[in-house]
Protein backbone atom coordinates (compact mmCIF):
# COMPACT_ATOMS: atom_id res chain seq x y z
CA MET A 1 6.47 19.18 -34.86
CA ALA A 2 5.46 17.12 -31.82
CA PRO A 3 5.87 18.75 -28.40
CA LYS A 4 8.80 17.61 -26.25
CA ILE A 5 8.61 16.16 -22.78
CA SER A 6 10.46 17.78 -19.88
CA ILE A 7 14.16 17.43 -19.16
CA ARG A 8 13.12 15.78 -15.92
CA GLY A 9 11.05 13.26 -17.86
CA THR A 10 13.89 12.57 -20.28
CA ASN A 11 16.40 12.13 -17.45
CA GLN A 12 14.26 9.81 -15.34
CA PRO A 13 16.50 6.74 -14.87
CA ALA A 14 15.35 3.18 -15.48
CA SER A 15 15.45 0.79 -12.55
CA PRO A 16 18.53 -1.49 -12.65
CA MET A 17 16.45 -4.13 -10.89
CA ARG A 18 13.94 -4.12 -13.76
CA ARG A 19 16.02 -3.01 -16.73
CA LEU A 20 16.41 -6.59 -17.96
CA GLU A 21 12.67 -7.30 -17.76
CA PRO A 22 12.17 -7.42 -21.57
CA LEU A 23 14.90 -10.06 -21.84
CA PHE A 24 13.46 -11.88 -18.85
CA LEU A 25 10.04 -12.08 -20.53
CA GLN A 26 11.64 -13.43 -23.69
CA ALA A 27 13.66 -15.99 -21.75
CA LYS A 28 10.53 -17.17 -19.90
CA GLU A 29 9.15 -18.35 -23.24
CA VAL A 30 11.99 -20.86 -23.71
CA ARG A 31 13.32 -21.63 -20.22
CA LYS A 32 11.72 -24.11 -17.83
CA ARG A 33 12.52 -21.80 -14.91
CA ILE A 34 14.33 -18.55 -14.23
CA TYR A 35 15.36 -18.02 -10.61
CA GLN A 36 14.76 -14.36 -9.88
CA LEU A 37 17.40 -12.94 -7.56
CA ASN A 38 17.07 -9.42 -8.95
CA ILE A 39 14.24 -7.87 -6.93
CA GLY A 40 13.32 -7.77 -3.25
CA GLN A 41 10.03 -9.64 -3.56
CA PRO A 42 9.92 -12.08 -0.63
CA ASP A 43 8.38 -15.51 -1.12
CA ILE A 44 7.30 -15.54 2.54
CA GLU A 45 3.52 -15.80 2.65
CA THR A 46 1.55 -12.70 3.59
CA PRO A 47 0.11 -13.20 7.11
CA GLU A 48 -3.37 -14.76 7.09
CA GLU A 49 -4.47 -12.12 9.62
CA TYR A 50 -4.06 -9.50 6.91
CA LEU A 51 -5.88 -11.47 4.25
CA LYS A 52 -8.83 -12.23 6.55
CA VAL A 53 -9.63 -8.53 6.86
CA ILE A 54 -9.68 -8.20 3.07
CA LYS A 55 -11.80 -11.33 2.60
CA ASN A 56 -14.31 -10.43 5.32
CA LEU A 57 -14.72 -6.76 4.49
CA GLN A 58 -18.35 -5.64 4.95
CA GLU A 59 -18.06 -2.05 3.70
CA LYS A 60 -20.56 -1.11 0.97
CA VAL A 61 -18.61 1.98 -0.11
CA ILE A 62 -14.84 2.43 0.07
CA LYS A 63 -14.65 6.11 0.98
CA TYR A 64 -11.77 8.56 1.04
CA GLY A 65 -9.89 8.39 4.30
CA PRO A 66 -7.89 11.10 6.08
CA SER A 67 -4.95 12.31 3.99
CA ALA A 68 -2.39 11.55 6.71
CA GLY A 69 -3.85 8.09 7.27
CA LEU A 70 -6.50 6.57 9.51
CA PRO A 71 -5.99 7.72 13.13
CA GLU A 72 -6.40 4.16 14.41
CA TYR A 73 -3.64 2.96 12.06
CA ARG A 74 -1.34 5.85 12.95
CA LYS A 75 -1.85 5.00 16.63
CA THR A 76 -0.96 1.38 15.84
CA LEU A 77 2.24 2.57 14.17
CA ALA A 78 3.11 4.82 17.10
CA ASN A 79 2.82 1.84 19.45
CA TYR A 80 5.01 -0.20 17.11
CA TYR A 81 7.77 2.44 17.10
CA ARG A 82 7.59 2.93 20.86
CA SER A 83 8.21 -0.83 21.26
CA TYR A 84 11.61 -0.17 19.68
CA GLY A 85 12.40 2.81 21.89
CA ILE A 86 11.40 5.36 19.24
CA ASN A 87 9.28 7.76 21.28
CA VAL A 88 6.79 9.22 18.81
CA ASP A 89 3.10 10.11 18.94
CA TRP A 90 0.58 9.23 16.26
CA GLU A 91 0.51 12.87 15.14
CA ASP A 92 4.21 12.51 14.21
CA ILE A 93 3.32 9.98 11.48
CA VAL A 94 1.98 10.43 7.95
CA VAL A 95 0.87 7.26 6.16
CA THR A 96 2.06 7.08 2.55
CA THR A 97 1.34 4.97 -0.50
CA GLY A 98 4.41 2.82 -0.07
CA GLY A 99 7.79 3.89 1.25
CA SER A 100 8.59 5.29 -2.19
CA GLU A 101 5.97 8.02 -1.94
CA GLY A 102 7.29 8.83 1.51
CA ILE A 103 10.81 9.44 0.18
CA ILE A 104 9.50 11.61 -2.67
CA PHE A 105 7.44 13.63 -0.17
CA VAL A 106 10.46 14.08 2.12
CA LEU A 107 12.82 15.21 -0.64
CA THR A 108 10.22 17.65 -1.92
CA ALA A 109 9.50 18.99 1.57
CA ILE A 110 13.10 19.61 2.63
CA CYS A 111 14.75 20.60 -0.66
CA ASP A 112 14.36 23.40 -3.16
CA PRO A 113 15.16 22.73 -6.84
CA GLU A 114 18.86 21.91 -7.37
CA ASP A 115 19.57 21.49 -3.65
CA GLU A 116 21.89 18.62 -2.74
CA VAL A 117 21.54 15.51 -0.60
CA ILE A 118 24.59 13.50 0.44
CA ILE A 119 24.23 9.74 0.21
CA PRO A 120 26.61 6.82 0.84
CA GLU A 121 26.94 4.68 -2.27
CA PRO A 122 26.12 2.05 -3.35
CA PHE A 123 22.49 2.87 -2.55
CA TYR A 124 18.95 1.79 -3.41
CA ALA A 125 18.84 2.69 -7.07
CA ASN A 126 15.36 4.19 -7.04
CA TYR A 127 16.68 7.06 -4.91
CA ASN A 128 18.05 8.32 -8.23
CA GLY A 129 14.54 8.41 -9.64
CA PHE A 130 13.05 10.03 -6.56
CA ALA A 131 15.73 12.74 -6.59
CA ASN A 132 15.12 13.41 -10.28
CA MET A 133 11.38 13.83 -9.64
CA ALA A 134 12.13 16.33 -6.87
CA ASN A 135 14.81 18.09 -8.96
CA VAL A 136 17.39 17.33 -6.28
CA LYS A 137 21.03 16.37 -6.80
CA LEU A 138 22.36 13.27 -5.04
CA VAL A 139 26.00 13.67 -3.95
CA PRO A 140 27.61 10.24 -3.40
CA VAL A 141 30.26 9.28 -0.87
CA THR A 142 31.65 5.89 -1.79
CA SER A 143 31.78 3.00 0.68
CA LYS A 144 34.08 0.05 0.06
CA PRO A 145 33.35 -3.67 -0.32
CA GLU A 146 36.54 -4.49 1.64
CA ASN A 147 34.91 -3.35 4.89
CA GLY A 148 31.43 -4.53 4.00
CA TYR A 149 30.27 -1.11 2.75
CA ALA A 150 30.52 0.49 6.19
CA LEU A 151 29.84 4.21 6.47
CA PRO A 152 32.72 6.17 4.88
CA PRO A 153 34.79 8.24 7.32
CA ILE A 154 32.74 11.16 8.61
CA GLU A 155 35.48 13.54 7.39
CA GLU A 156 34.85 12.39 3.80
CA ILE A 157 31.16 13.06 4.20
CA GLU A 158 31.76 16.49 5.70
CA LYS A 159 33.88 17.48 2.70
CA LYS A 160 30.76 17.17 0.53
CA VAL A 161 28.78 19.70 2.60
CA ASN A 162 28.23 23.09 0.96
CA SER A 163 25.66 25.88 0.88
CA LYS A 164 23.28 23.75 -1.23
CA THR A 165 23.41 20.70 1.03
CA LYS A 166 20.10 20.08 2.80
CA ALA A 167 20.30 16.51 4.06
CA ILE A 168 22.07 13.19 4.36
CA ILE A 169 20.08 10.09 3.44
CA ILE A 170 20.89 6.54 4.54
CA CYS A 171 19.24 3.13 4.24
CA ASN A 172 19.70 1.15 7.45
CA PRO A 173 20.09 -1.80 7.05
CA GLY A 174 21.17 -1.12 3.51
CA ASN A 175 19.83 -2.08 0.15
CA PRO A 176 21.81 -3.29 -1.87
CA THR A 177 24.63 -4.04 0.59
CA GLY A 178 22.92 -5.48 3.65
CA TYR A 179 25.13 -3.31 5.85
CA ALA A 180 23.65 -2.35 9.25
CA TYR A 181 25.02 0.88 10.75
CA SER A 182 26.59 0.77 14.20
CA GLU A 183 25.48 3.05 17.03
CA GLU A 184 28.75 4.99 16.66
CA GLU A 185 28.17 5.58 12.95
CA ILE A 186 24.63 6.84 13.61
CA GLU A 187 25.86 9.18 16.34
CA ASN A 188 28.61 10.54 14.07
CA LEU A 189 26.03 11.29 11.38
CA LYS A 190 23.76 13.00 13.90
CA ASP A 191 26.64 15.16 15.18
CA LEU A 192 27.48 16.20 11.61
CA CYS A 193 23.85 17.11 10.90
CA ARG A 194 23.63 19.21 14.07
CA LYS A 195 26.88 20.96 13.19
CA HIS A 196 25.74 21.96 9.69
CA SER A 197 21.97 22.19 10.29
CA LEU A 198 21.16 19.27 7.98
CA PHE A 199 18.30 16.81 8.01
CA LEU A 200 19.13 13.12 8.42
CA VAL A 201 16.73 10.91 6.48
CA SER A 202 16.83 7.24 7.42
CA ASP A 203 15.08 4.59 5.33
CA GLU A 204 14.41 1.89 7.95
CA VAL A 205 12.34 -0.54 5.92
CA TYR A 206 14.53 -3.51 6.96
CA ARG A 207 14.59 -2.71 10.70
CA GLU A 208 13.60 -6.25 11.71
CA PHE A 209 16.24 -7.90 9.54
CA VAL A 210 19.44 -7.44 11.55
CA TYR A 211 21.09 -10.80 12.15
CA GLU A 212 23.78 -10.05 14.72
CA GLY A 213 23.34 -7.28 17.27
CA LYS A 214 20.50 -4.73 17.10
CA HIS A 215 19.12 -2.13 14.76
CA ASN A 216 20.12 1.46 15.54
CA SER A 217 17.46 4.01 14.63
CA ILE A 218 18.18 7.72 14.28
CA LEU A 219 15.25 8.57 16.59
CA GLU A 220 15.96 6.21 19.48
CA LYS A 221 17.60 8.95 21.56
CA GLU A 222 16.31 12.39 22.46
CA GLY A 223 17.90 15.59 21.18
CA PHE A 224 17.55 14.96 17.46
CA GLU A 225 13.88 15.78 17.03
CA GLU A 226 14.32 18.72 14.63
CA TYR A 227 16.76 16.89 12.34
CA GLY A 228 15.58 13.29 12.05
CA ILE A 229 13.15 11.86 9.50
CA ILE A 230 12.35 8.15 9.17
CA THR A 231 10.80 6.66 6.04
CA ASP A 232 9.35 3.19 6.37
CA SER A 233 7.22 0.52 4.71
CA LEU A 234 5.35 -2.70 5.43
CA SER A 235 6.41 -4.24 2.10
CA LYS A 236 9.24 -6.42 3.38
CA ARG A 237 8.34 -6.61 7.08
CA PHE A 238 5.08 -8.46 6.42
CA SER A 239 5.58 -9.53 2.79
CA LEU A 240 3.13 -6.88 1.62
CA CYS A 241 4.90 -5.38 -1.39
CA GLY A 242 1.68 -4.96 -3.36
CA ALA A 243 -0.28 -3.38 -0.50
CA ARG A 244 1.66 -0.10 -0.94
CA LEU A 245 1.70 1.07 2.66
CA GLY A 246 4.53 3.18 4.05
CA CYS A 247 4.95 6.17 6.29
CA VAL A 248 7.05 9.18 7.23
CA VAL A 249 7.93 9.66 10.90
CA SER A 250 9.35 12.86 12.40
CA LYS A 251 9.10 14.93 15.56
CA ASN A 252 9.70 18.04 13.41
CA LYS A 253 6.25 19.61 13.18
CA ASP A 254 7.11 21.63 10.06
CA ILE A 255 8.08 18.45 8.22
CA ILE A 256 4.87 16.66 9.18
CA SER A 257 2.76 19.71 8.29
CA SER A 258 4.39 20.05 4.86
CA ILE A 259 4.09 16.35 4.04
CA THR A 260 0.48 16.28 5.22
CA LYS A 261 -0.35 19.01 2.70
CA MET A 262 1.34 16.99 -0.04
CA ALA A 263 -0.68 13.98 1.10
CA GLN A 264 -3.84 16.07 0.80
CA ALA A 265 -3.01 16.73 -2.85
CA ARG A 266 -3.07 12.99 -3.57
CA LEU A 267 -6.15 12.60 -1.33
CA CYS A 268 -5.48 9.53 0.85
CA PRO A 269 -3.43 6.35 1.21
CA PRO A 270 -5.10 2.95 0.68
CA THR A 271 -7.94 2.59 3.20
CA ILE A 272 -8.62 -1.15 3.25
CA GLU A 273 -4.91 -1.91 3.47
CA GLN A 274 -4.61 0.25 6.59
CA LEU A 275 -7.46 -1.62 8.28
CA ALA A 276 -5.78 -4.93 7.49
CA ALA A 277 -2.37 -3.67 8.61
CA ILE A 278 -3.72 -2.92 12.07
CA GLU A 279 -4.28 -6.66 12.48
CA VAL A 280 -0.81 -7.81 11.39
CA HIS A 281 0.81 -5.47 13.91
CA LYS A 282 -0.84 -7.58 16.60
CA LEU A 283 1.41 -10.50 15.66
CA GLY A 284 4.22 -9.12 17.81
CA LYS A 285 7.96 -9.63 17.73
CA ASP A 286 7.76 -13.44 17.72
CA TYR A 287 6.60 -13.18 14.11
CA TYR A 288 9.68 -11.16 13.14
CA SER A 289 11.98 -13.60 14.98
CA LYS A 290 10.88 -16.54 12.85
CA ILE A 291 11.18 -14.59 9.61
CA ARG A 292 14.58 -13.26 10.62
CA GLU A 293 15.90 -16.77 11.25
CA GLU A 294 14.65 -17.86 7.82
CA TYR A 295 16.47 -15.02 6.08
CA LYS A 296 19.62 -15.66 8.07
CA LEU A 297 19.55 -19.27 6.84
CA ARG A 298 19.16 -18.00 3.27
CA ARG A 299 22.00 -15.51 3.68
CA ASP A 300 24.32 -18.25 4.93
CA THR A 301 23.26 -20.52 2.06
CA VAL A 302 24.24 -17.94 -0.55
CA MET A 303 27.49 -17.06 1.24
CA LYS A 304 28.54 -20.72 1.23
CA HIS A 305 28.32 -20.78 -2.56
CA ILE A 306 30.03 -17.41 -3.03
CA GLU A 307 33.00 -18.65 -0.99
CA GLU A 308 33.39 -21.44 -3.55
CA ILE A 309 33.82 -19.01 -6.48
CA ASP A 310 37.43 -18.17 -7.33
CA GLY A 311 37.88 -14.42 -7.50
CA ALA A 312 34.54 -13.56 -5.88
CA PHE A 313 34.30 -11.37 -2.80
CA CYS A 314 31.52 -10.45 -0.41
CA LYS A 315 31.87 -9.66 3.26
CA ILE A 316 28.96 -11.32 5.04
CA PRO A 317 26.12 -8.78 5.33
CA ASN A 318 24.42 -8.21 8.66
CA GLY A 319 21.01 -6.99 7.56
CA ALA A 320 18.21 -6.79 4.97
CA PHE A 321 18.12 -9.64 2.45
CA TYR A 322 20.57 -8.46 -0.18
CA MET A 323 24.26 -8.76 -0.86
CA LEU A 324 26.47 -7.02 -3.37
CA VAL A 325 29.01 -9.48 -4.73
CA LYS A 326 32.25 -8.68 -6.58
CA LEU A 327 32.85 -11.18 -9.38
CA PRO A 328 35.81 -11.78 -11.70
CA ILE A 329 34.03 -9.99 -14.58
CA LYS A 330 34.37 -6.60 -16.26
CA ASP A 331 30.79 -5.82 -17.29
CA CYS A 332 27.95 -6.84 -14.98
CA ILE A 333 25.26 -5.82 -17.48
CA ASN A 334 26.82 -8.04 -20.12
CA PHE A 335 27.09 -10.91 -17.64
CA ALA A 336 23.47 -10.60 -16.44
CA THR A 337 22.33 -10.46 -20.08
CA TYR A 338 24.40 -13.54 -20.91
CA MET A 339 22.77 -15.50 -18.09
CA LEU A 340 19.34 -14.70 -19.52
CA LYS A 341 19.99 -15.04 -23.24
CA ASP A 342 22.83 -17.48 -23.67
CA PHE A 343 23.17 -19.77 -20.67
CA GLU A 344 21.05 -22.58 -19.30
CA LEU A 345 21.57 -25.56 -17.05
CA ASP A 346 18.93 -28.22 -17.62
CA ASN A 347 16.88 -25.44 -19.24
CA GLU A 348 17.06 -23.24 -16.14
CA THR A 349 18.88 -19.98 -15.52
CA VAL A 350 19.19 -17.04 -13.10
CA LEU A 351 18.35 -13.33 -13.18
CA VAL A 352 20.52 -10.96 -11.13
CA ALA A 353 20.68 -7.18 -10.82
CA PRO A 354 23.76 -5.47 -12.35
CA GLY A 355 25.75 -3.72 -9.63
CA ASN A 356 26.59 -0.49 -11.45
CA GLY A 357 22.99 0.72 -11.19
CA PHE A 358 23.42 1.16 -7.44
CA TYR A 359 26.17 3.76 -7.83
CA ALA A 360 25.99 7.42 -8.77
CA THR A 361 29.70 7.56 -9.59
CA GLN A 362 30.24 6.59 -13.22
CA GLY A 363 32.20 3.38 -13.75
CA LEU A 364 31.77 1.91 -10.27
CA GLY A 365 30.08 -1.43 -9.69
CA MET A 366 30.79 -2.88 -13.13
CA ASP A 367 32.27 -6.00 -11.52
CA GLU A 368 29.43 -6.41 -9.00
CA ILE A 369 25.98 -7.98 -8.96
CA ARG A 370 23.25 -7.72 -6.35
CA ILE A 371 21.69 -10.94 -5.12
CA ALA A 372 18.36 -10.79 -3.30
CA TYR A 373 18.09 -13.95 -1.22
CA ILE A 374 14.31 -14.02 -1.24
CA LEU A 375 13.86 -17.66 -2.32
CA ASN A 376 13.72 -20.72 -0.08
CA LYS A 377 16.94 -22.57 0.73
CA ASN A 378 16.48 -25.34 -1.87
CA ASP A 379 15.79 -22.84 -4.64
CA LEU A 380 18.75 -20.70 -3.55
CA ASP A 381 21.04 -23.73 -3.63
CA ARG A 382 19.90 -24.50 -7.18
CA ALA A 383 20.12 -20.88 -8.30
CA MET A 384 23.66 -20.50 -6.98
CA VAL A 385 24.79 -23.72 -8.70
CA ILE A 386 23.46 -22.30 -11.98
CA LEU A 387 25.14 -18.95 -11.30
CA LYS A 388 28.50 -20.61 -10.62
CA GLU A 389 28.32 -22.71 -13.77
CA GLY A 390 27.18 -19.74 -15.82
CA LEU A 391 30.08 -17.64 -14.53
CA LYS A 392 32.55 -20.36 -15.53
CA ALA A 393 31.10 -20.55 -19.04
CA TYR A 394 30.99 -16.74 -19.38
CA ARG A 395 34.63 -16.29 -18.34
CA LYS A 396 35.75 -19.08 -20.67
CA GLU A 397 33.91 -17.63 -23.66
CA ARG A 398 35.37 -14.16 -23.04
CA GLY A 399 38.84 -15.27 -22.15
CA LEU A 400 38.71 -13.84 -18.62
């Protein structure tokens, strides 16, 4: 009899963003174009400053680098954070192979097996996978579409705290909702963590993409040094998804020491990518301003079309480049599958991410889809026309 894999391996969830990939590959064989709104892969070009370093590299041997990252890159990151009022030193930063590795490292460092982490839902679906790898239980607190997926009342979150609770994790601005937490919400979370001796882990990958107001980081103010942990990534900020560069930031020395030892076990993060990333950080905030305006235009383009759909609802998001949209449907997986397999407009169709995959609570999100507005305005206009026509045909066929 063949040996069995682990329970953890069996329970590892599939990504809802990629679960329809086999159907997508089949549809590509027969469709002229499929507009991909399912994953956060920006079409913004990677800065030339980054690519020049790669193209002009003179190294004869690509050696192992320091496990926590190149000191010169960590110093670059420290300067970046200080420009946002986040007062950290380069020794407070560990460079990771993407933000994903950073989250896995953090969960493993702060939690023992079967400990619990409270998380507002809907949330970035891969947190489920990271928690499973670390043998940690995610405890959801549900936010509502009616108020744009704002943080649930702090009293509801506190009810979830027990002897196994080790942390609260947030994504700010949020994926999949695009919600950006207010200063008051961040302070309420910090007070709760101080009260119950919990870590607050903040995934701040989309820091630059806040369209009205400002981003509120958990480490902007003093007095939270022992509790706060930031995970971050260059993937979306500089359109560097494939470079796999992220980091963990904390003033808590025990956290940094523990994560550094985990980093030693995987040897080092990508060396050439760090050298190139030093250069793109020299672009300054003007670079982010232009990109932010482009995404704001795309957000408004999608919202205009959503407002034309009878029975659809989405409160305009204030951050990131995602929105979770309620549609007049009963099964988002069935609808997304229909758009790939059975619907076309002039031999074109659309791929979206089913909304239920962003919830831990069974049954929620079945009437929602996530749209990533990562295409240019003209392509988004076309994709949304196809989506609207596909929804009409789907509802008619199913008598909805």
